[in-house]
C-alpha atoms as a PDB file:
ATOM      1  CA  MET A   1     -12.809  31.109  14.311  1.00  0.00           C
ATOM      2  CA  LYS A   2     -14.711  28.132  12.676  1.00  0.00           C
ATOM      3  CA  VAL A   3     -12.729  26.115  10.232  1.00  0.00           C
ATOM      4  CA  LEU A   4     -13.338  23.131   7.992  1.00  0.00           C
ATOM      5  CA  ILE A   5     -10.937  20.406   8.581  1.00  0.00           C
ATOM      6  CA  LEU A   6      -9.467  18.958   5.313  1.00  0.00           C
ATOM      7  CA  LYS A   7      -6.794  16.734   6.769  1.00  0.00           C
ATOM      8  CA  LYS A   8      -5.938  15.022   9.848  1.00  0.00           C
ATOM      9  CA  VAL A   9      -3.786  17.382  12.264  1.00  0.00           C
ATOM     10  CA  GLY A  10      -3.126  17.189  15.796  1.00  0.00           C
ATOM     11  CA  LYS A  11      -6.330  16.345  17.855  1.00  0.00           C
ATOM     12  CA  TYR A  12      -8.406  16.877  14.759  1.00  0.00           C
ATOM     13  CA  GLU A  13      -8.784  13.482  13.275  1.00  0.00           C
ATOM     14  CA  GLU A  14     -12.167  13.835  11.305  1.00  0.00           C
ATOM     15  CA  GLU A  15     -11.999  15.202   7.815  1.00  0.00           C
ATOM     16  CA  GLY A  16     -14.735  17.336   6.955  1.00  0.00           C
ATOM     17  CA  ALA A  17     -15.375  18.426  10.805  1.00  0.00           C
ATOM     18  CA  VAL A  18     -16.210  22.022  11.589  1.00  0.00           C
ATOM     19  CA  VAL A  19     -14.429  22.995  14.624  1.00  0.00           C
ATOM     20  CA  GLU A  20     -13.780  26.148  16.623  1.00  0.00           C
ATOM     21  CA  VAL A  21     -10.103  27.241  16.921  1.00  0.00           C
ATOM     22  CA  LYS A  22      -8.086  30.169  17.968  1.00  0.00           C
ATOM     23  CA  ASP A  23      -7.758  32.833  15.078  1.00  0.00           C
ATOM     24  CA  GLY A  24      -3.919  32.789  15.072  1.00  0.00           C
ATOM     25  CA  TYR A  25      -3.891  29.187  14.928  1.00  0.00           C
ATOM     26  CA  ALA A  26      -6.276  29.006  11.940  1.00  0.00           C
ATOM     27  CA  ARG A  27      -4.491  31.889   9.934  1.00  0.00           C
ATOM     28  CA  ASN A  28      -0.906  30.897  10.665  1.00  0.00           C
ATOM     29  CA  PHE A  29      -0.834  27.253  10.567  1.00  0.00           C
ATOM     30  CA  LEU A  30      -4.173  25.268   9.442  1.00  0.00           C
ATOM     31  CA  ILE A  31      -5.094  27.425   6.425  1.00  0.00           C
ATOM     32  CA  PRO A  32      -1.674  28.088   5.010  1.00  0.00           C
ATOM     33  CA  ASN A  33      -0.693  24.487   5.407  1.00  0.00           C
ATOM     34  CA  GLY A  34      -3.790  23.087   3.755  1.00  0.00           C
ATOM     35  CA  PHE A  35      -5.143  21.373   6.788  1.00  0.00           C
ATOM     36  CA  ALA A  36      -8.288  23.548   7.051  1.00  0.00           C
ATOM     37  CA  LEU A  37     -10.280  26.000   5.218  1.00  0.00           C
ATOM     38  CA  ALA A  38     -12.410  28.808   6.973  1.00  0.00           C
ATOM     39  CA  ALA A  39     -15.883  27.385   7.279  1.00  0.00           C
ATOM     40  CA  THR A  40     -17.772  29.098   4.534  1.00  0.00           C
ATOM     41  CA  LYS A  41     -20.642  28.006   2.095  1.00  0.00           C
ATOM     42  CA  GLU A  42     -17.698  27.814  -0.740  1.00  0.00           C
ATOM     43  CA  SER A  43     -15.469  25.733   1.383  1.00  0.00           C
ATOM     44  CA  PHE A  44     -18.016  23.142   1.892  1.00  0.00           C
ATOM     45  CA  GLN A  45     -18.556  22.956  -1.825  1.00  0.00           C
ATOM     46  CA  ARG A  46     -14.799  22.695  -2.261  1.00  0.00           C
ATOM     47  CA  LEU A  47     -14.648  19.936   0.242  1.00  0.00           C
ATOM     48  CA  GLU A  48     -17.316  17.842  -1.598  1.00  0.00           C
ATOM     49  CA  GLN A  49     -15.382  18.231  -4.660  1.00  0.00           C
ATOM     50  CA  LEU A  50     -12.338  16.976  -3.147  1.00  0.00           C
ATOM     51  CA  LYS A  51     -13.963  14.143  -1.748  1.00  0.00           C
ATOM     52  CA  LYS A  52     -15.364  13.237  -5.205  1.00  0.00           C
ATOM     53  CA  ASN A  53     -11.790  13.862  -6.788  1.00  0.00           C
ATOM     54  CA  LYS A  54     -10.436  11.496  -3.930  1.00  0.00           C
ATOM     55  CA  ALA A  55     -12.959   8.671  -4.478  1.00  0.00           C
ATOM     56  CA  LYS A  56     -12.457   8.794  -8.249  1.00  0.00           C
ATOM     57  CA  LEU A  57      -8.819   8.388  -7.652  1.00  0.00           C
ATOM     58  CA  GLU A  58      -9.143   5.525  -5.263  1.00  0.00           C
ATOM     59  CA  GLU A  59     -11.449   3.683  -7.397  1.00  0.00           C
ATOM     60  CA  LYS A  60      -8.921   4.059 -10.228  1.00  0.00           C
ATOM     61  CA  GLU A  61      -6.061   2.926  -8.099  1.00  0.00           C
ATOM     62  CA  LYS A  62      -8.235  -0.096  -6.901  1.00  0.00           C
ATOM     63  CA  LYS A  63      -8.886  -1.055 -10.622  1.00  0.00           C
ATOM     64  CA  THR A  64      -5.144  -0.970 -11.451  1.00  0.00           C
ATOM     65  CA  LEU A  65      -4.394  -3.155  -8.481  1.00  0.00           C
ATOM     66  CA  GLU A  66      -7.134  -5.637  -9.320  1.00  0.00           C
ATOM     67  CA  GLU A  67      -5.362  -5.995 -12.861  1.00  0.00           C
ATOM     68  CA  LEU A  68      -1.922  -6.476 -11.107  1.00  0.00           C
ATOM     69  CA  LYS A  69      -3.701  -9.196  -9.023  1.00  0.00           C
ATOM     70  CA  GLU A  70      -4.906 -10.957 -12.087  1.00  0.00           C
ATOM     71  CA  LYS A  71      -1.309 -10.742 -13.475  1.00  0.00           C
ATOM     72  CA  LEU A  72       0.248 -12.161 -10.469  1.00  0.00           C
ATOM     73  CA  GLU A  73      -2.249 -14.937 -10.104  1.00  0.00           C
ATOM     74  CA  LYS A  74      -1.852 -15.863 -14.007  1.00  0.00           C
ATOM     75  CA  LEU A  75       2.026 -16.266 -13.111  1.00  0.00           C
ATOM     76  CA  SER A  76       1.447 -19.960 -12.132  1.00  0.00           C
ATOM     77  CA  SER A  77       4.632 -20.042  -9.970  1.00  0.00           C
ATOM     78  CA  LEU A  78       7.891 -18.119  -9.331  1.00  0.00           C
ATOM     79  CA  THR A  79      11.134 -20.141  -9.436  1.00  0.00           C
ATOM     80  CA  ILE A  80      14.071 -18.905  -7.125  1.00  0.00           C
ATOM     81  CA  THR A  81      17.310 -20.925  -6.966  1.00  0.00           C
ATOM     82  CA  ALA A  82      19.358 -21.111  -3.869  1.00  0.00           C
ATOM     83  CA  LYS A  83      22.587 -22.961  -2.625  1.00  0.00           C
ATOM     84  CA  VAL A  84      21.835 -25.945  -0.719  1.00  0.00           C
ATOM     85  CA  LYS A  85      24.098 -27.084   2.236  1.00  0.00           C
ATOM     86  CA  ASP A  86      22.261 -30.459   3.156  1.00  0.00           C
ATOM     87  CA  GLU A  87      19.682 -32.372   1.302  1.00  0.00           C
ATOM     88  CA  GLU A  88      16.902 -29.855   1.323  1.00  0.00           C
ATOM     89  CA  GLU A  89      18.328 -27.132   3.590  1.00  0.00           C
ATOM     90  CA  ILE A  90      19.540 -23.961   2.042  1.00  0.00           C
ATOM     91  CA  PHE A  91      22.279 -21.387   3.096  1.00  0.00           C
ATOM     92  CA  GLY A  92      20.348 -18.600   5.037  1.00  0.00           C
ATOM     93  CA  SER A  93      16.995 -18.137   3.889  1.00  0.00           C
ATOM     94  CA  VAL A  94      15.006 -16.679   0.993  1.00  0.00           C
ATOM     95  CA  GLN A  95      14.211 -13.062   1.631  1.00  0.00           C
ATOM     96  CA  GLU A  96      11.541 -10.628   0.427  1.00  0.00           C
ATOM     97  CA  ALA A  97      14.099  -8.872  -1.588  1.00  0.00           C
ATOM     98  CA  GLN A  98      14.930 -12.001  -3.661  1.00  0.00           C
ATOM     99  CA  ILE A  99      11.175 -12.574  -4.392  1.00  0.00           C
ATOM    100  CA  LEU A 100      10.729  -9.120  -5.336  1.00  0.00           C
ATOM    101  CA  LYS A 101      13.831  -9.196  -7.545  1.00  0.00           C
ATOM    102  CA  SER A 102      12.489 -12.403  -9.312  1.00  0.00           C
ATOM    103  CA  LEU A 103       9.139 -10.736  -9.825  1.00  0.00           C
ATOM    104  CA  LYS A 104      10.847  -7.684 -11.445  1.00  0.00           C
ATOM    105  CA  ASP A 105      12.672 -10.158 -13.806  1.00  0.00           C
ATOM    106  CA  GLU A 106       9.099 -11.200 -14.754  1.00  0.00           C
ATOM    107  CA  GLY A 107       8.095  -7.792 -15.682  1.00  0.00           C
ATOM    108  CA  ILE A 108       6.036  -7.155 -12.140  1.00  0.00           C
ATOM    109  CA  ASP A 109       7.485  -4.341  -9.970  1.00  0.00           C
ATOM    110  CA  LEU A 110       6.164  -4.346  -6.476  1.00  0.00           C
ATOM    111  CA  GLU A 111       7.420  -2.236  -3.498  1.00  0.00           C
ATOM    112  CA  LYS A 112       9.072  -3.520  -0.538  1.00  0.00           C
ATOM    113  CA  GLY A 113       6.512  -4.551   2.465  1.00  0.00           C
ATOM    114  CA  LYS A 114       3.973  -5.743   0.089  1.00  0.00           C
ATOM    115  CA  LEU A 115       4.870  -9.493   0.513  1.00  0.00           C
ATOM    116  CA  LEU A 116       3.525 -11.415   3.549  1.00  0.00           C
ATOM    117  CA  ILE A 117       6.018 -14.492   4.255  1.00  0.00           C
ATOM    118  CA  GLU A 118       4.348 -16.468   6.793  1.00  0.00           C
ATOM    119  CA  GLU A 119       7.262 -18.569   7.723  1.00  0.00           C
ATOM    120  CA  PRO A 120      11.181 -18.054   6.980  1.00  0.00           C
ATOM    121  CA  ILE A 121      11.958 -20.070   3.744  1.00  0.00           C
ATOM    122  CA  LYS A 122      14.806 -22.125   4.803  1.00  0.00           C
ATOM    123  CA  LYS A 123      14.186 -25.361   2.656  1.00  0.00           C
ATOM    124  CA  LEU A 124      13.647 -26.351  -0.901  1.00  0.00           C
ATOM    125  CA  GLY A 125       9.945 -26.562  -1.792  1.00  0.00           C
ATOM    126  CA  VAL A 126       6.778 -24.701  -2.579  1.00  0.00           C
ATOM    127  CA  TYR A 127       5.705 -21.703  -0.569  1.00  0.00           C
ATOM    128  CA  ASN A 128       2.458 -19.696  -0.918  1.00  0.00           C
ATOM    129  CA  VAL A 129       3.178 -16.008  -0.335  1.00  0.00           C
ATOM    130  CA  LYS A 130       0.417 -13.336   0.055  1.00  0.00           C
ATOM    131  CA  VAL A 131       0.719 -10.099  -1.774  1.00  0.00           C
ATOM    132  CA  ASN A 132      -0.967  -7.193  -0.120  1.00  0.00           C
ATOM    133  CA  LEU A 133      -1.511  -4.695  -2.940  1.00  0.00           C
ATOM    134  CA  HIS A 134      -4.379  -2.550  -1.093  1.00  0.00           C
ATOM    135  CA  PRO A 135      -6.465  -3.218   2.120  1.00  0.00           C
ATOM    136  CA  GLN A 136      -9.221  -4.669  -0.232  1.00  0.00           C
ATOM    137  CA  VAL A 137      -6.892  -6.363  -2.928  1.00  0.00           C
ATOM    138  CA  GLN A 138      -4.782  -9.388  -1.884  1.00  0.00           C
ATOM    139  CA  ALA A 139      -3.232 -11.918  -4.264  1.00  0.00           C
ATOM    140  CA  LYS A 140      -1.618 -15.224  -3.828  1.00  0.00           C
ATOM    141  CA  LEU A 141       1.764 -16.235  -5.289  1.00  0.00           C
ATOM    142  CA  ARG A 142       3.446 -19.639  -5.450  1.00  0.00           C
ATOM    143  CA  VAL A 143       7.055 -19.589  -4.965  1.00  0.00           C
ATOM    144  CA  TRP A 144       9.306 -22.558  -5.949  1.00  0.00           C
ATOM    145  CA  ILE A 145      12.735 -22.722  -4.284  1.00  0.00           C
ATOM    146  CA  VAL A 146      15.084 -25.195  -6.305  1.00  0.00           C
ATOM    147  CA  LYS A 147      18.518 -26.324  -5.872  1.00  0.00           C
ATOM    148  CA  LYS A 148      21.297 -24.211  -7.724  1.00  0.00           C
END
């Protein structure tokens, strides 16, 4: 049976590909789970509509993330207080969770894993942190670590 692949599944990585599979595999697994459609003229039209909808959603999401990037970059700096044991060395290190909490206090809610801290923050000072919002949208954030 020829099917039109809608989502990546198993060895079928390419969305929109027409492949020949066993009838049982198509009827019992691929089609009921939404991974594929029977290869008909209507299914090709449906695939095109799905691609258009997906492109619109991605564009809308990217626009929202661009606005968030502007908001992050308008925030000139983020100040975090830390306990100090020596002149400039702090107890432990400043982690992603602390930065995310400070951002949330500023009204910016980010998911864990979006921040890219290049080096461990173990001393007082100013650090540049990259924020990966989307593969095509990255922001820079300046974090100040000050004595408590």
